[in-house]
Amino acid sequence: MASVTRWTAAFALLVAVLAASGAAPALAEFKSGPWTGNAYAQKDGKFERCVITSEHPDGMRLGFGKSLEGTFEIWLMNKGWSLEAGQPQPVTLWVDDLRRRTGNFQSVSKGAMAAQFVGDTDLVASLKKGNVLHVESAFGSMTFKLTGTFKAIGELEQCWSQSTRAAAAAQAPRAQAPSSGPAKRAKGMDLLALPPRDFAGQVVTSEKSPYFTVPQQVPESMRKWNAALIWNINNGDGVGLSTGVGSNPDIETLRTDLVRQKQPRCKGDMASSSDVRTLPATAIQVKRVEIRCSDIGDGKGVTEVFSFYPHLSGQLLVISHISNDRDVAIEADIEFARRVTAILGAK
């Protein structure tokens, strides 16, 4: 029989998590096979954790999370449950025929409970490489096929890495705020190897023209938008955002996902379009999605143009330009692409 290990419940998990705290998605949704993930923020906009989940039979959802502190989490969710928030839930779990772990999950909402596993790298490795997760709880015995977990947990870890870097930048002393460009400027294809903040920073500061400008209060702006970098378009006609490296689905999947994310915020009519463009003098293709809402609740319409630049990691750098004037958002997207092309062609 496999050995049994106890874990100690981390009660800090109850402080501010998802439904229990009103946490809201902070970054663009990312996907990996049957798994869907997001970064979550507290009500004040500060990054809290990344979570990725997948659907399973009988209304179950299995989730993996990584908290701000870097602690790995397992989430169990079912809308049919009637849990009392804050109550411990005894659970035993194991992967395949490996050692069992027993301890308490914590109920964080009526239909969700979670546990943190501090420093348990063996568990994370087994979830990545294993076939089945077995769970025994007051709800009986459950099994979860670990389909695609190696890549999904990799995406989770990348979400956490990007989000914590952005959070650290947002809390930097104000005196550091004007430094919007990268510490080391890249030339040619090396531009597409930079992290999101450095990529966008080099592009928007690559010319003396004031068309793109980074606000002096960069930390406050980034806390508001939860972006790696934010910049103004043409003296305040709109804003640009760098939201990190995401997964690399096809263009129609990107458009469908973005429409679904933006729909709740649109009080009027919503329209969308998408295309794939090749940067001049290169073979680099950039996926583009345009989302238009006729009324965001204040009687004004807004257009957001997303461009997904290929990163040398094989994933995507997500850049968006937003304005009440559709022509401004489109023009800014074109100008950003022109500057990228110029840097890629630099010797």
Protein backbone atom coordinates (compact mmCIF):
# COMPACT_ATOMS: atom_id res chain seq x y z
CA MET A 1 0.00 0.00 0.00
CA ALA A 2 1.26 3.48 -0.85
CA SER A 3 2.50 5.61 2.04
CA VAL A 4 0.33 8.39 3.40
CA THR A 5 1.50 11.97 3.91
CA ARG A 6 -0.45 14.65 5.75
CA TRP A 7 -0.47 18.25 4.66
CA THR A 8 -1.37 21.22 6.83
CA ALA A 9 -4.14 23.44 5.55
CA ALA A 10 -3.06 26.99 4.77
CA PHE A 11 -5.79 29.16 6.27
CA ALA A 12 -4.44 32.18 4.42
CA LEU A 13 -6.15 30.62 1.45
CA LEU A 14 -9.41 31.98 2.85
CA VAL A 15 -8.31 35.58 2.95
CA ALA A 16 -9.12 36.61 -0.61
CA VAL A 17 -9.70 33.95 -3.22
CA LEU A 18 -12.01 33.96 -6.19
CA ALA A 19 -15.67 33.92 -5.20
CA ALA A 20 -14.93 34.31 -1.51
CA SER A 21 -13.30 37.69 -2.06
CA GLY A 22 -14.96 38.93 -5.21
CA ALA A 23 -11.70 38.46 -7.06
CA ALA A 24 -11.96 39.11 -10.77
CA PRO A 25 -9.94 38.02 -13.81
CA ALA A 26 -6.96 40.31 -14.22
CA LEU A 27 -5.41 39.17 -17.47
CA ALA A 28 -6.57 37.79 -20.76
CA GLU A 29 -7.82 34.24 -20.47
CA PHE A 30 -5.39 31.54 -21.58
CA LYS A 31 -6.10 28.01 -22.75
CA SER A 32 -4.27 24.72 -22.98
CA GLY A 33 -6.23 21.83 -24.48
CA PRO A 34 -9.25 21.19 -22.22
CA TRP A 35 -7.89 23.60 -19.60
CA THR A 36 -8.90 27.24 -19.20
CA GLY A 37 -6.96 29.62 -16.99
CA ASN A 38 -6.78 33.20 -15.78
CA ALA A 39 -4.89 35.49 -13.47
CA TYR A 40 -6.99 36.86 -10.62
CA ALA A 41 -6.74 40.12 -8.72
CA GLN A 42 -8.07 41.46 -5.44
CA LYS A 43 -10.67 44.21 -5.52
CA ASP A 44 -7.90 46.83 -5.44
CA GLY A 45 -6.40 45.36 -8.61
CA LYS A 46 -3.38 43.72 -6.98
CA PHE A 47 -2.43 40.33 -8.39
CA GLU A 48 -3.55 37.42 -6.21
CA ARG A 49 -3.09 34.10 -8.02
CA CYS A 50 -3.31 32.19 -11.29
CA VAL A 51 -5.76 29.30 -11.64
CA ILE A 52 -6.37 26.87 -14.50
CA THR A 53 -9.36 24.47 -14.53
CA SER A 54 -10.98 21.76 -16.63
CA GLU A 55 -14.42 20.17 -16.70
CA HIS A 56 -15.00 16.56 -15.63
CA PRO A 57 -18.02 14.22 -15.38
CA ASP A 58 -20.83 14.77 -12.86
CA GLY A 59 -20.45 18.55 -12.85
CA MET A 60 -16.96 18.49 -11.39
CA ARG A 61 -14.20 20.95 -12.17
CA LEU A 62 -10.59 20.29 -11.23
CA GLY A 63 -8.28 23.25 -10.88
CA PHE A 64 -4.65 23.96 -10.19
CA GLY A 65 -3.53 27.30 -8.80
CA LYS A 66 -0.40 29.19 -7.86
CA SER A 67 -0.71 31.93 -5.24
CA LEU A 68 1.13 35.24 -5.16
CA GLU A 69 3.67 33.62 -2.82
CA GLY A 70 4.27 30.80 -5.32
CA THR A 71 2.40 28.08 -3.42
CA PHE A 72 0.80 25.34 -5.53
CA GLU A 73 -2.93 24.77 -5.01
CA ILE A 74 -5.54 22.17 -5.94
CA TRP A 75 -9.14 23.30 -6.45
CA LEU A 76 -12.25 21.10 -6.45
CA MET A 77 -15.50 22.69 -7.67
CA ASN A 78 -19.08 21.61 -8.21
CA LYS A 79 -22.11 23.91 -8.55
CA GLY A 80 -24.25 21.24 -6.90
CA TRP A 81 -22.42 21.41 -3.59
CA SER A 82 -23.64 23.38 -0.56
CA LEU A 83 -20.45 24.04 1.36
CA GLU A 84 -20.11 26.51 4.21
CA ALA A 85 -17.24 28.90 3.54
CA GLY A 86 -14.35 28.54 5.95
CA GLN A 87 -15.06 24.96 7.00
CA PRO A 88 -12.40 22.22 6.67
CA GLN A 89 -13.13 19.34 4.32
CA PRO A 90 -11.14 16.13 4.98
CA VAL A 91 -9.62 14.83 1.75
CA THR A 92 -7.25 12.07 0.70
CA LEU A 93 -5.71 12.24 -2.75
CA TRP A 94 -3.12 10.45 -4.83
CA VAL A 95 -1.93 10.13 -8.42
CA ASP A 96 -1.95 6.69 -10.07
CA ASP A 97 -0.39 4.30 -7.54
CA LEU A 98 1.88 6.88 -5.91
CA ARG A 99 1.82 7.84 -2.23
CA ARG A 100 -1.35 9.20 -0.71
CA ARG A 101 -1.72 12.61 0.86
CA THR A 102 -4.37 13.35 3.46
CA GLY A 103 -5.43 16.58 5.10
CA ASN A 104 -8.06 19.31 4.97
CA PHE A 105 -9.21 21.33 2.00
CA GLN A 106 -10.90 24.62 2.91
CA SER A 107 -14.35 25.60 1.64
CA VAL A 108 -13.96 28.97 -0.06
CA SER A 109 -17.51 29.25 -1.44
CA LYS A 110 -20.70 27.23 -1.70
CA GLY A 111 -19.36 25.23 -4.62
CA ALA A 112 -15.58 25.27 -4.22
CA MET A 113 -12.85 24.07 -1.91
CA ALA A 114 -9.09 24.27 -2.18
CA ALA A 115 -5.84 23.36 -0.48
CA GLN A 116 -2.29 24.64 -0.68
CA PHE A 117 0.73 22.33 -0.90
CA VAL A 118 3.78 24.24 0.28
CA GLY A 119 7.00 23.03 -1.33
CA ASP A 120 5.49 19.75 -2.55
CA THR A 121 7.37 19.52 -5.84
CA ASP A 122 6.77 15.76 -6.02
CA LEU A 123 3.01 16.32 -6.16
CA VAL A 124 3.33 18.89 -8.94
CA ALA A 125 5.58 16.55 -10.93
CA SER A 126 3.16 13.64 -10.52
CA LEU A 127 0.21 15.77 -11.64
CA LYS A 128 2.16 16.81 -14.74
CA LYS A 129 3.18 13.29 -15.72
CA GLY A 130 0.47 11.10 -14.20
CA ASN A 131 -2.67 9.61 -15.72
CA VAL A 132 -5.35 9.81 -13.01
CA LEU A 133 -5.87 11.87 -9.85
CA HIS A 134 -7.85 9.98 -7.19
CA VAL A 135 -9.76 11.96 -4.54
CA GLU A 136 -11.68 10.69 -1.51
CA SER A 137 -13.85 13.17 0.39
CA ALA A 138 -17.25 13.49 2.07
CA PHE A 139 -18.69 13.50 -1.45
CA GLY A 140 -17.31 10.02 -2.13
CA SER A 141 -14.55 8.76 -4.39
CA MET A 142 -13.72 10.78 -7.49
CA THR A 143 -11.25 10.26 -10.31
CA PHE A 144 -9.92 12.91 -12.68
CA LYS A 145 -8.11 12.09 -15.90
CA LEU A 146 -4.96 14.19 -16.06
CA THR A 147 -5.23 14.94 -19.76
CA GLY A 148 -2.86 17.66 -20.94
CA THR A 149 -1.70 18.57 -17.44
CA PHE A 150 1.99 18.81 -18.32
CA LYS A 151 1.37 21.72 -20.68
CA ALA A 152 -1.48 23.16 -18.59
CA ILE A 153 0.63 23.44 -15.43
CA GLY A 154 3.39 24.93 -17.56
CA GLU A 155 0.94 27.61 -18.72
CA LEU A 156 -0.09 28.17 -15.09
CA GLU A 157 3.51 28.69 -14.04
CA GLN A 158 4.06 31.10 -16.91
CA CYS A 159 0.95 33.06 -15.92
CA TRP A 160 2.29 33.32 -12.37
CA SER A 161 5.76 34.39 -13.51
CA GLN A 162 4.42 37.14 -15.76
CA SER A 163 1.88 38.37 -13.23
CA THR A 164 4.33 38.56 -10.34
CA ARG A 165 6.82 40.47 -12.50
CA ALA A 166 4.09 42.95 -13.42
CA ALA A 167 3.02 43.23 -9.76
CA ALA A 168 6.60 43.91 -8.68
CA ALA A 169 6.96 46.60 -11.35
CA ALA A 170 3.70 48.19 -10.22
CA GLN A 171 5.01 48.49 -6.65
CA ALA A 172 8.36 49.95 -7.67
CA PRO A 173 9.25 53.41 -6.29
CA ARG A 174 7.76 56.26 -8.30
CA ALA A 175 11.23 57.53 -9.17
CA GLN A 176 11.68 54.44 -11.34
CA ALA A 177 8.44 54.97 -13.24
CA PRO A 178 9.77 56.96 -16.23
CA SER A 179 12.06 54.07 -17.20
CA SER A 180 9.65 52.48 -19.67
CA GLY A 181 12.16 51.06 -22.10
CA PRO A 182 14.05 47.79 -21.64
CA ALA A 183 17.30 47.64 -19.69
CA LYS A 184 18.98 46.37 -22.87
CA ARG A 185 17.57 47.17 -26.29
CA ALA A 186 17.26 44.34 -28.75
CA LYS A 187 17.90 44.33 -32.47
CA GLY A 188 16.36 42.22 -35.17
CA MET A 189 14.58 39.05 -34.16
CA ASP A 190 15.89 39.38 -30.60
CA LEU A 191 13.01 41.81 -30.06
CA LEU A 192 10.64 38.84 -30.10
CA ALA A 193 12.57 37.16 -27.27
CA LEU A 194 11.99 40.01 -24.80
CA PRO A 195 9.47 39.70 -21.94
CA PRO A 196 6.18 41.61 -22.44
CA ARG A 197 7.18 44.81 -20.62
CA ASP A 198 10.53 45.12 -22.39
CA PHE A 199 9.02 44.27 -25.79
CA ALA A 200 6.35 46.97 -25.53
CA GLY A 201 8.71 49.42 -23.83
CA GLN A 202 11.25 49.25 -26.63
CA VAL A 203 8.59 49.66 -29.32
CA VAL A 204 6.75 52.64 -27.81
CA THR A 205 10.00 54.48 -26.95
CA SER A 206 11.81 53.63 -30.19
CA GLU A 207 11.09 57.02 -31.78
CA LYS A 208 11.13 60.60 -30.52
CA SER A 209 7.61 61.23 -31.81
CA PRO A 210 5.19 61.83 -28.89
CA TYR A 211 2.52 59.67 -30.55
CA PHE A 212 3.08 57.02 -27.86
CA THR A 213 3.90 58.22 -24.34
CA VAL A 214 4.24 56.33 -21.07
CA PRO A 215 2.43 58.03 -18.14
CA GLN A 216 4.64 59.40 -15.38
CA GLN A 217 2.62 57.46 -12.80
CA VAL A 218 3.30 54.11 -14.39
CA PRO A 219 2.83 51.97 -11.22
CA GLU A 220 -0.64 53.37 -10.56
CA SER A 221 -1.65 52.90 -14.17
CA MET A 222 -0.47 49.34 -14.23
CA ARG A 223 -2.37 48.53 -11.06
CA LYS A 224 -5.51 49.89 -12.70
CA TRP A 225 -5.10 47.95 -15.95
CA ASN A 226 -3.13 44.92 -14.71
CA ALA A 227 -0.77 45.22 -17.66
CA ALA A 228 2.96 44.70 -18.01
CA LEU A 229 3.09 48.19 -19.53
CA ILE A 230 0.58 50.90 -20.42
CA TRP A 231 1.03 53.87 -22.75
CA ASN A 232 -1.06 56.77 -24.02
CA ILE A 233 -2.04 57.21 -27.66
CA ASN A 234 -1.67 60.64 -29.24
CA ASN A 235 -1.96 62.80 -26.11
CA GLY A 236 -4.75 60.85 -24.48
CA ASP A 237 -6.90 59.77 -27.43
CA GLY A 238 -6.63 56.19 -26.17
CA VAL A 239 -4.40 53.72 -24.37
CA GLY A 240 -2.20 50.80 -25.28
CA LEU A 241 -1.58 47.73 -23.15
CA SER A 242 0.92 44.90 -23.07
CA THR A 243 -0.78 42.00 -21.32
CA GLY A 244 1.83 39.28 -21.55
CA VAL A 245 2.59 36.11 -23.40
CA GLY A 246 -0.48 33.96 -23.98
CA SER A 247 -1.17 30.63 -25.59
CA ASN A 248 -1.21 30.29 -29.38
CA PRO A 249 -4.66 29.17 -30.62
CA ASP A 250 -6.01 29.84 -34.10
CA ILE A 251 -7.43 33.25 -34.95
CA GLU A 252 -11.09 32.25 -34.76
CA THR A 253 -10.59 30.76 -31.31
CA LEU A 254 -8.94 33.99 -30.21
CA ARG A 255 -11.83 36.06 -31.55
CA THR A 256 -14.46 33.82 -29.94
CA ASP A 257 -12.71 33.90 -26.56
CA LEU A 258 -12.27 37.67 -26.62
CA VAL A 259 -15.92 38.27 -27.51
CA ARG A 260 -16.97 36.02 -24.63
CA GLN A 261 -14.70 37.90 -22.20
CA LYS A 262 -15.82 41.37 -23.29
CA GLN A 263 -19.54 40.68 -23.72
CA PRO A 264 -20.54 41.20 -20.04
CA ARG A 265 -19.04 44.70 -20.06
CA CYS A 266 -20.84 45.82 -23.22
CA LYS A 267 -24.27 47.37 -22.63
CA GLY A 268 -24.92 48.01 -26.33
CA ASP A 269 -24.31 46.13 -29.55
CA MET A 270 -21.07 44.20 -29.96
CA ALA A 271 -19.29 43.42 -33.21
CA SER A 272 -15.98 41.76 -33.96
CA SER A 273 -13.64 40.97 -36.81
CA SER A 274 -10.31 39.21 -37.20
CA ASP A 275 -7.52 38.75 -39.69
CA VAL A 276 -3.90 37.67 -39.97
CA ARG A 277 -1.38 40.13 -41.37
CA THR A 278 2.23 39.71 -42.45
CA LEU A 279 4.69 42.36 -41.27
CA PRO A 280 6.31 44.11 -44.28
CA ALA A 281 9.67 42.71 -45.42
CA THR A 282 9.31 39.74 -43.05
CA ALA A 283 7.60 36.37 -42.96
CA ILE A 284 6.16 37.14 -39.53
CA GLN A 285 2.40 36.81 -39.25
CA VAL A 286 0.46 38.80 -36.67
CA LYS A 287 -3.02 37.69 -35.63
CA ARG A 288 -5.42 40.61 -35.11
CA VAL A 289 -8.84 40.79 -33.44
CA GLU A 290 -11.01 43.90 -33.30
CA ILE A 291 -13.80 44.16 -30.71
CA ARG A 292 -16.34 46.99 -30.95
CA CYS A 293 -19.02 47.90 -28.38
CA SER A 294 -21.57 50.63 -29.13
CA ASP A 295 -22.14 51.48 -25.45
CA ILE A 296 -20.02 50.53 -22.44
CA GLY A 297 -22.56 51.96 -20.00
CA ASP A 298 -21.80 55.65 -20.28
CA GLY A 299 -23.35 56.16 -23.70
CA LYS A 300 -19.96 55.95 -25.40
CA GLY A 301 -18.71 53.26 -27.71
CA VAL A 302 -15.24 51.74 -27.55
CA THR A 303 -12.99 49.79 -29.90
CA GLU A 304 -10.16 47.53 -28.79
CA VAL A 305 -7.72 46.19 -31.36
CA PHE A 306 -5.65 43.18 -30.25
CA SER A 307 -2.48 42.13 -32.05
CA PHE A 308 -0.80 38.85 -31.17
CA TYR A 309 2.91 38.95 -31.96
CA PRO A 310 4.78 35.62 -32.13
CA HIS A 311 7.27 35.17 -29.30
CA LEU A 312 10.39 33.07 -29.81
CA SER A 313 9.10 30.80 -27.04
CA GLY A 314 6.43 29.66 -29.50
CA GLN A 315 3.65 31.58 -27.79
CA LEU A 316 2.26 35.10 -28.25
CA LEU A 317 2.85 38.65 -27.03
CA VAL A 318 -0.54 40.31 -26.59
CA ILE A 319 -0.76 44.01 -27.47
CA SER A 320 -4.03 45.96 -27.47
CA HIS A 321 -4.99 49.55 -28.30
CA ILE A 322 -8.24 51.00 -26.95
CA SER A 323 -10.12 54.17 -27.86
CA ASN A 324 -13.61 55.61 -28.06
CA ASP A 325 -12.68 56.47 -31.65
CA ARG A 326 -12.32 53.34 -33.80
CA ASP A 327 -9.99 55.11 -36.23
CA VAL A 328 -7.61 55.97 -33.37
CA ALA A 329 -7.42 52.37 -32.13
CA ILE A 330 -6.77 51.08 -35.65
CA GLU A 331 -4.18 53.78 -36.39
CA ALA A 332 -2.34 53.04 -33.13
CA ASP A 333 -2.23 49.34 -33.93
CA ILE A 334 -0.77 50.11 -37.36
CA GLU A 335 1.81 52.50 -35.87
CA PHE A 336 2.89 49.93 -33.28
CA ALA A 337 3.32 47.31 -36.04
CA ARG A 338 5.34 49.78 -38.14
CA ARG A 339 7.73 50.35 -35.25
CA VAL A 340 8.07 46.61 -34.64
CA THR A 341 8.93 46.13 -38.31
CA ALA A 342 11.57 48.88 -38.12
CA ILE A 343 13.25 47.28 -35.10
CA LEU A 344 13.18 43.83 -36.68
CA GLY A 345 14.94 45.24 -39.73
CA ALA A 346 17.63 47.05 -37.74
CA LYS A 347 21.21 45.88 -38.21
